[in-house]
Amino acid sequence: MCTMHGLLRHHLARLVCPSRPRRDKESPDTPPRVRGTRGWLAGWLLIGIALPAAAQFERAPEPRPMAAPLATMATEEPAYRIDAARHIYLRYADRIHDGLLPPLLHAIAGVRTTIDAAGQVRRIEITREPAVAREVLPWIERMIRAAAPYPRPPAGLDEVVWNELWLIDRGGSFQLHTLSEGQQQVPAGDDTDEDDEDGDE
């Protein structure tokens, strides 16, 4: 009789408060459950690092107002590059990187701009895309178009083609290769891979 009462109490206790299965330590074969918080936290950290850089290029800066530029004194297209680059520097003076560029740039983009006889932008072509940071391309194009009119082409030319490299840092400052002050050297042993983009220029 005592044994029967004992069994009844045991079964009632299991019904009221069922025992929880013991959780074994996860093995390497456990299906991905985003173990702990490390998986998703690492992902958000990477996104958090990438977003500030991309946000710099969501909206192009407004160019400084200035009087209409004079006709260029250049007599050929290569010399016109200097006038066009100076024009960009005047219109976006607060975005020009002062001094040597950092050793690792956010992006380098090659752009070919065709300018007509009135100094207006006729066509923009990308000749070199950044390795990663392609968000800079529409940003560059908007700035080039907003900076028109440019110095008029050399006498006798209906249009001029201006080839340029845009050297851009993570903060949204830049230099143009034509007027660049150069780039700092990568510290020895630093193999950080930002849009590499090369100290090869």
C-alpha atoms as a PDB file:
ATOM      1  CA  MET A   1       0.000   0.000   0.000  1.00  0.00           C
ATOM      2  CA  CYS A   2       2.792   2.402   0.860  1.00  0.00           C
ATOM      3  CA  THR A   3       4.492   1.513  -2.378  1.00  0.00           C
ATOM      4  CA  MET A   4       1.320   2.320  -4.358  1.00  0.00           C
ATOM      5  CA  HIS A   5       0.949   5.731  -2.637  1.00  0.00           C
ATOM      6  CA  GLY A   6       4.588   6.459  -3.369  1.00  0.00           C
ATOM      7  CA  LEU A   7       4.146   5.715  -7.068  1.00  0.00           C
ATOM      8  CA  LEU A   8       1.017   7.895  -7.244  1.00  0.00           C
ATOM      9  CA  ARG A   9       2.838  10.827  -5.630  1.00  0.00           C
ATOM     10  CA  HIS A  10       5.701  10.383  -8.083  1.00  0.00           C
ATOM     11  CA  HIS A  11       3.421  10.446 -11.150  1.00  0.00           C
ATOM     12  CA  LEU A  12       1.439  13.431  -9.837  1.00  0.00           C
ATOM     13  CA  ALA A  13       4.642  15.383  -9.267  1.00  0.00           C
ATOM     14  CA  ARG A  14       5.730  14.747 -12.874  1.00  0.00           C
ATOM     15  CA  LEU A  15       2.355  15.949 -14.189  1.00  0.00           C
ATOM     16  CA  VAL A  16       2.419  19.160 -12.126  1.00  0.00           C
ATOM     17  CA  CYS A  17       6.083  19.927 -12.687  1.00  0.00           C
ATOM     18  CA  PRO A  18       7.438  17.883 -15.578  1.00  0.00           C
ATOM     19  CA  SER A  19      11.140  17.515 -15.659  1.00  0.00           C
ATOM     20  CA  ARG A  20      13.034  19.476 -18.308  1.00  0.00           C
ATOM     21  CA  PRO A  21      15.223  17.538 -20.684  1.00  0.00           C
ATOM     22  CA  ARG A  22      18.880  18.033 -20.017  1.00  0.00           C
ATOM     23  CA  ARG A  23      20.505  20.306 -22.580  1.00  0.00           C
ATOM     24  CA  ASP A  24      23.685  18.815 -23.828  1.00  0.00           C
ATOM     25  CA  LYS A  25      26.556  21.043 -24.773  1.00  0.00           C
ATOM     26  CA  GLU A  26      26.319  22.050 -28.427  1.00  0.00           C
ATOM     27  CA  SER A  27      28.494  20.052 -30.711  1.00  0.00           C
ATOM     28  CA  PRO A  28      30.159  21.420 -33.818  1.00  0.00           C
ATOM     29  CA  ASP A  29      27.480  19.648 -35.856  1.00  0.00           C
ATOM     30  CA  THR A  30      24.628  21.591 -34.223  1.00  0.00           C
ATOM     31  CA  PRO A  31      22.619  23.313 -36.993  1.00  0.00           C
ATOM     32  CA  PRO A  32      23.247  27.068 -37.161  1.00  0.00           C
ATOM     33  CA  ARG A  33      21.046  28.712 -34.583  1.00  0.00           C
ATOM     34  CA  VAL A  34      23.151  31.857 -34.494  1.00  0.00           C
ATOM     35  CA  ARG A  35      24.926  30.416 -31.492  1.00  0.00           C
ATOM     36  CA  GLY A  36      24.752  32.830 -28.583  1.00  0.00           C
ATOM     37  CA  THR A  37      24.817  36.407 -29.781  1.00  0.00           C
ATOM     38  CA  ARG A  38      28.203  36.363 -31.446  1.00  0.00           C
ATOM     39  CA  GLY A  39      26.938  35.528 -34.935  1.00  0.00           C
ATOM     40  CA  TRP A  40      24.424  38.308 -35.417  1.00  0.00           C
ATOM     41  CA  LEU A  41      26.422  40.783 -33.327  1.00  0.00           C
ATOM     42  CA  ALA A  42      29.430  40.377 -35.608  1.00  0.00           C
ATOM     43  CA  GLY A  43      27.188  40.957 -38.631  1.00  0.00           C
ATOM     44  CA  TRP A  44      25.735  44.154 -37.196  1.00  0.00           C
ATOM     45  CA  LEU A  45      29.178  45.399 -36.274  1.00  0.00           C
ATOM     46  CA  LEU A  46      30.314  44.967 -39.875  1.00  0.00           C
ATOM     47  CA  ILE A  47      27.227  46.808 -41.105  1.00  0.00           C
ATOM     48  CA  GLY A  48      27.843  49.551 -38.565  1.00  0.00           C
ATOM     49  CA  ILE A  49      31.366  49.988 -39.863  1.00  0.00           C
ATOM     50  CA  ALA A  50      30.289  50.086 -43.501  1.00  0.00           C
ATOM     51  CA  LEU A  51      27.293  52.405 -43.152  1.00  0.00           C
ATOM     52  CA  PRO A  52      29.099  55.584 -42.062  1.00  0.00           C
ATOM     53  CA  ALA A  53      31.367  55.446 -45.114  1.00  0.00           C
ATOM     54  CA  ALA A  54      28.479  54.853 -47.528  1.00  0.00           C
ATOM     55  CA  ALA A  55      26.363  57.590 -45.941  1.00  0.00           C
ATOM     56  CA  GLN A  56      28.949  60.213 -46.922  1.00  0.00           C
ATOM     57  CA  PHE A  57      28.083  59.651 -50.573  1.00  0.00           C
ATOM     58  CA  GLU A  58      24.293  59.540 -50.471  1.00  0.00           C
ATOM     59  CA  ARG A  59      24.064  63.238 -51.266  1.00  0.00           C
ATOM     60  CA  ALA A  60      26.500  65.239 -53.363  1.00  0.00           C
ATOM     61  CA  PRO A  61      27.665  68.590 -51.942  1.00  0.00           C
ATOM     62  CA  GLU A  62      26.403  71.809 -53.482  1.00  0.00           C
ATOM     63  CA  PRO A  63      29.018  73.665 -55.536  1.00  0.00           C
ATOM     64  CA  ARG A  64      30.102  77.129 -54.477  1.00  0.00           C
ATOM     65  CA  PRO A  65      28.571  79.883 -56.615  1.00  0.00           C
ATOM     66  CA  MET A  66      30.997  81.658 -58.905  1.00  0.00           C
ATOM     67  CA  ALA A  67      31.044  83.823 -61.975  1.00  0.00           C
ATOM     68  CA  ALA A  68      30.934  82.104 -65.337  1.00  0.00           C
ATOM     69  CA  PRO A  69      34.394  80.756 -66.160  1.00  0.00           C
ATOM     70  CA  LEU A  70      36.431  82.296 -68.957  1.00  0.00           C
ATOM     71  CA  ALA A  71      37.560  80.400 -72.026  1.00  0.00           C
ATOM     72  CA  THR A  72      40.537  78.193 -71.336  1.00  0.00           C
ATOM     73  CA  MET A  73      44.016  79.359 -72.282  1.00  0.00           C
ATOM     74  CA  ALA A  74      44.911  75.765 -73.145  1.00  0.00           C
ATOM     75  CA  THR A  75      45.547  74.981 -76.776  1.00  0.00           C
ATOM     76  CA  GLU A  76      45.104  71.195 -76.530  1.00  0.00           C
ATOM     77  CA  GLU A  77      43.134  68.658 -74.516  1.00  0.00           C
ATOM     78  CA  PRO A  78      45.914  67.506 -72.100  1.00  0.00           C
ATOM     79  CA  ALA A  79      46.447  71.086 -70.927  1.00  0.00           C
ATOM     80  CA  TYR A  80      42.684  71.593 -70.570  1.00  0.00           C
ATOM     81  CA  ARG A  81      42.700  68.983 -67.796  1.00  0.00           C
ATOM     82  CA  ILE A  82      44.387  71.484 -65.493  1.00  0.00           C
ATOM     83  CA  ASP A  83      41.712  74.134 -66.110  1.00  0.00           C
ATOM     84  CA  ALA A  84      38.897  71.626 -65.576  1.00  0.00           C
ATOM     85  CA  ALA A  85      40.482  70.281 -62.376  1.00  0.00           C
ATOM     86  CA  ARG A  86      40.996  73.802 -61.011  1.00  0.00           C
ATOM     87  CA  HIS A  87      37.363  74.548 -61.777  1.00  0.00           C
ATOM     88  CA  ILE A  88      36.268  71.549 -59.663  1.00  0.00           C
ATOM     89  CA  TYR A  89      38.619  72.650 -56.857  1.00  0.00           C
ATOM     90  CA  LEU A  90      37.066  76.128 -56.818  1.00  0.00           C
ATOM     91  CA  ARG A  91      33.495  74.850 -56.852  1.00  0.00           C
ATOM     92  CA  TYR A  92      34.078  72.268 -54.083  1.00  0.00           C
ATOM     93  CA  ALA A  93      36.845  73.930 -52.089  1.00  0.00           C
ATOM     94  CA  ASP A  94      35.551  72.632 -48.746  1.00  0.00           C
ATOM     95  CA  ARG A  95      35.719  69.025 -49.994  1.00  0.00           C
ATOM     96  CA  ILE A  96      39.297  69.097 -51.286  1.00  0.00           C
ATOM     97  CA  HIS A  97      41.620  66.992 -49.113  1.00  0.00           C
ATOM     98  CA  ASP A  98      44.407  69.190 -47.792  1.00  0.00           C
ATOM     99  CA  GLY A  99      47.880  67.678 -47.963  1.00  0.00           C
ATOM    100  CA  LEU A 100      48.893  64.105 -48.676  1.00  0.00           C
ATOM    101  CA  LEU A 101      46.053  61.637 -49.096  1.00  0.00           C
ATOM    102  CA  PRO A 102      45.823  58.746 -46.588  1.00  0.00           C
ATOM    103  CA  PRO A 103      47.691  55.569 -47.548  1.00  0.00           C
ATOM    104  CA  LEU A 104      44.438  53.635 -48.014  1.00  0.00           C
ATOM    105  CA  LEU A 105      41.749  55.397 -50.002  1.00  0.00           C
ATOM    106  CA  HIS A 106      38.048  54.650 -49.938  1.00  0.00           C
ATOM    107  CA  ALA A 107      37.845  54.691 -53.731  1.00  0.00           C
ATOM    108  CA  ILE A 108      39.582  55.623 -56.943  1.00  0.00           C
ATOM    109  CA  ALA A 109      37.435  56.236 -60.001  1.00  0.00           C
ATOM    110  CA  GLY A 110      38.399  57.089 -63.546  1.00  0.00           C
ATOM    111  CA  VAL A 111      35.986  59.443 -65.309  1.00  0.00           C
ATOM    112  CA  ARG A 112      35.918  60.741 -68.891  1.00  0.00           C
ATOM    113  CA  THR A 113      33.848  63.921 -69.254  1.00  0.00           C
ATOM    114  CA  THR A 114      32.972  65.432 -72.619  1.00  0.00           C
ATOM    115  CA  ILE A 115      32.417  69.201 -72.451  1.00  0.00           C
ATOM    116  CA  ASP A 116      30.808  71.144 -75.301  1.00  0.00           C
ATOM    117  CA  ALA A 117      31.652  74.525 -76.778  1.00  0.00           C
ATOM    118  CA  ALA A 118      29.532  76.319 -74.152  1.00  0.00           C
ATOM    119  CA  GLY A 119      31.268  74.595 -71.226  1.00  0.00           C
ATOM    120  CA  GLN A 120      28.313  72.295 -70.532  1.00  0.00           C
ATOM    121  CA  VAL A 121      28.632  68.586 -69.780  1.00  0.00           C
ATOM    122  CA  ARG A 122      27.671  66.539 -72.818  1.00  0.00           C
ATOM    123  CA  ARG A 123      28.593  63.072 -71.606  1.00  0.00           C
ATOM    124  CA  ILE A 124      30.142  61.288 -68.595  1.00  0.00           C
ATOM    125  CA  GLU A 125      31.737  57.848 -68.881  1.00  0.00           C
ATOM    126  CA  ILE A 126      33.297  55.735 -66.131  1.00  0.00           C
ATOM    127  CA  THR A 127      36.678  54.470 -67.302  1.00  0.00           C
ATOM    128  CA  ARG A 128      37.698  52.848 -64.027  1.00  0.00           C
ATOM    129  CA  GLU A 129      35.292  51.552 -61.405  1.00  0.00           C
ATOM    130  CA  PRO A 130      36.293  51.342 -57.725  1.00  0.00           C
ATOM    131  CA  ALA A 131      37.073  47.835 -56.507  1.00  0.00           C
ATOM    132  CA  VAL A 132      34.298  47.972 -53.879  1.00  0.00           C
ATOM    133  CA  ALA A 133      32.915  51.455 -53.171  1.00  0.00           C
ATOM    134  CA  ARG A 134      30.708  51.915 -56.217  1.00  0.00           C
ATOM    135  CA  GLU A 135      28.437  54.277 -54.297  1.00  0.00           C
ATOM    136  CA  VAL A 136      30.884  57.053 -55.195  1.00  0.00           C
ATOM    137  CA  LEU A 137      30.062  56.871 -58.912  1.00  0.00           C
ATOM    138  CA  PRO A 138      26.663  58.660 -58.894  1.00  0.00           C
ATOM    139  CA  TRP A 139      28.124  61.040 -56.258  1.00  0.00           C
ATOM    140  CA  ILE A 140      30.955  62.003 -58.641  1.00  0.00           C
ATOM    141  CA  GLU A 141      28.622  62.333 -61.617  1.00  0.00           C
ATOM    142  CA  ARG A 142      26.260  64.660 -59.751  1.00  0.00           C
ATOM    143  CA  MET A 143      29.172  66.879 -58.705  1.00  0.00           C
ATOM    144  CA  ILE A 144      30.569  67.054 -62.231  1.00  0.00           C
ATOM    145  CA  ARG A 145      27.194  68.035 -63.683  1.00  0.00           C
ATOM    146  CA  ALA A 146      26.406  70.545 -60.928  1.00  0.00           C
ATOM    147  CA  ALA A 147      29.753  72.306 -61.450  1.00  0.00           C
ATOM    148  CA  ALA A 148      28.945  73.308 -65.058  1.00  0.00           C
ATOM    149  CA  PRO A 149      29.592  75.482 -66.936  1.00  0.00           C
ATOM    150  CA  TYR A 150      33.290  74.665 -67.286  1.00  0.00           C
ATOM    151  CA  PRO A 151      35.919  76.727 -69.089  1.00  0.00           C
ATOM    152  CA  ARG A 152      35.112  76.635 -72.789  1.00  0.00           C
ATOM    153  CA  PRO A 153      37.212  74.282 -74.918  1.00  0.00           C
ATOM    154  CA  PRO A 154      40.352  75.449 -76.724  1.00  0.00           C
ATOM    155  CA  ALA A 155      39.716  77.612 -79.771  1.00  0.00           C
ATOM    156  CA  GLY A 156      38.629  75.669 -82.786  1.00  0.00           C
ATOM    157  CA  LEU A 157      37.225  72.706 -80.830  1.00  0.00           C
ATOM    158  CA  ASP A 158      33.500  72.035 -80.602  1.00  0.00           C
ATOM    159  CA  GLU A 159      34.071  69.847 -77.548  1.00  0.00           C
ATOM    160  CA  VAL A 160      36.862  68.670 -75.305  1.00  0.00           C
ATOM    161  CA  VAL A 161      37.380  65.338 -73.523  1.00  0.00           C
ATOM    162  CA  TRP A 162      38.619  65.576 -69.935  1.00  0.00           C
ATOM    163  CA  ASN A 163      40.022  62.362 -68.463  1.00  0.00           C
ATOM    164  CA  GLU A 164      40.470  62.398 -64.695  1.00  0.00           C
ATOM    165  CA  LEU A 165      41.087  60.148 -61.709  1.00  0.00           C
ATOM    166  CA  TRP A 166      39.099  60.925 -58.570  1.00  0.00           C
ATOM    167  CA  LEU A 167      40.962  59.979 -55.363  1.00  0.00           C
ATOM    168  CA  ILE A 168      38.451  59.769 -52.509  1.00  0.00           C
ATOM    169  CA  ASP A 169      38.888  59.199 -48.781  1.00  0.00           C
ATOM    170  CA  ARG A 170      36.336  57.690 -46.394  1.00  0.00           C
ATOM    171  CA  GLY A 171      35.162  61.057 -45.122  1.00  0.00           C
ATOM    172  CA  GLY A 172      34.050  62.268 -48.551  1.00  0.00           C
ATOM    173  CA  SER A 173      37.042  64.517 -49.231  1.00  0.00           C
ATOM    174  CA  PHE A 174      38.932  64.065 -52.470  1.00  0.00           C
ATOM    175  CA  GLN A 175      41.687  65.181 -54.778  1.00  0.00           C
ATOM    176  CA  LEU A 176      41.911  64.971 -58.545  1.00  0.00           C
ATOM    177  CA  HIS A 177      44.961  63.201 -59.905  1.00  0.00           C
ATOM    178  CA  THR A 178      45.819  66.182 -62.111  1.00  0.00           C
ATOM    179  CA  LEU A 179      46.331  68.390 -59.038  1.00  0.00           C
ATOM    180  CA  SER A 180      46.999  65.741 -56.402  1.00  0.00           C
ATOM    181  CA  GLU A 181      49.540  66.404 -53.660  1.00  0.00           C
ATOM    182  CA  GLY A 182      50.408  62.713 -53.466  1.00  0.00           C
ATOM    183  CA  GLN A 183      49.647  59.907 -51.050  1.00  0.00           C
ATOM    184  CA  GLN A 184      51.134  58.734 -47.769  1.00  0.00           C
ATOM    185  CA  GLN A 185      52.938  55.404 -47.747  1.00  0.00           C
ATOM    186  CA  VAL A 186      51.281  52.327 -46.222  1.00  0.00           C
ATOM    187  CA  PRO A 187      53.003  51.594 -42.861  1.00  0.00           C
ATOM    188  CA  ALA A 188      55.242  48.522 -42.993  1.00  0.00           C
ATOM    189  CA  GLY A 189      53.352  45.375 -42.020  1.00  0.00           C
ATOM    190  CA  ASP A 190      49.922  46.989 -42.485  1.00  0.00           C
ATOM    191  CA  ASP A 191      47.965  44.820 -44.909  1.00  0.00           C
ATOM    192  CA  THR A 192      44.572  46.391 -44.190  1.00  0.00           C
ATOM    193  CA  ASP A 193      42.382  45.958 -47.257  1.00  0.00           C
ATOM    194  CA  GLU A 194      40.352  49.100 -47.843  1.00  0.00           C
ATOM    195  CA  ASP A 195      39.356  49.664 -51.460  1.00  0.00           C
ATOM    196  CA  ASP A 196      43.070  49.182 -51.727  1.00  0.00           C
ATOM    197  CA  GLU A 197      42.829  51.385 -54.075  1.00  0.00           C
ATOM    198  CA  ASP A 198      46.302  51.674 -54.501  1.00  0.00           C
ATOM    199  CA  GLY A 199      49.067  53.820 -53.797  1.00  0.00           C
ATOM    200  CA  ASP A 200      49.888  53.063 -57.395  1.00  0.00           C
ATOM    201  CA  GLU A 201      48.967  56.429 -58.753  1.00  0.00           C
END
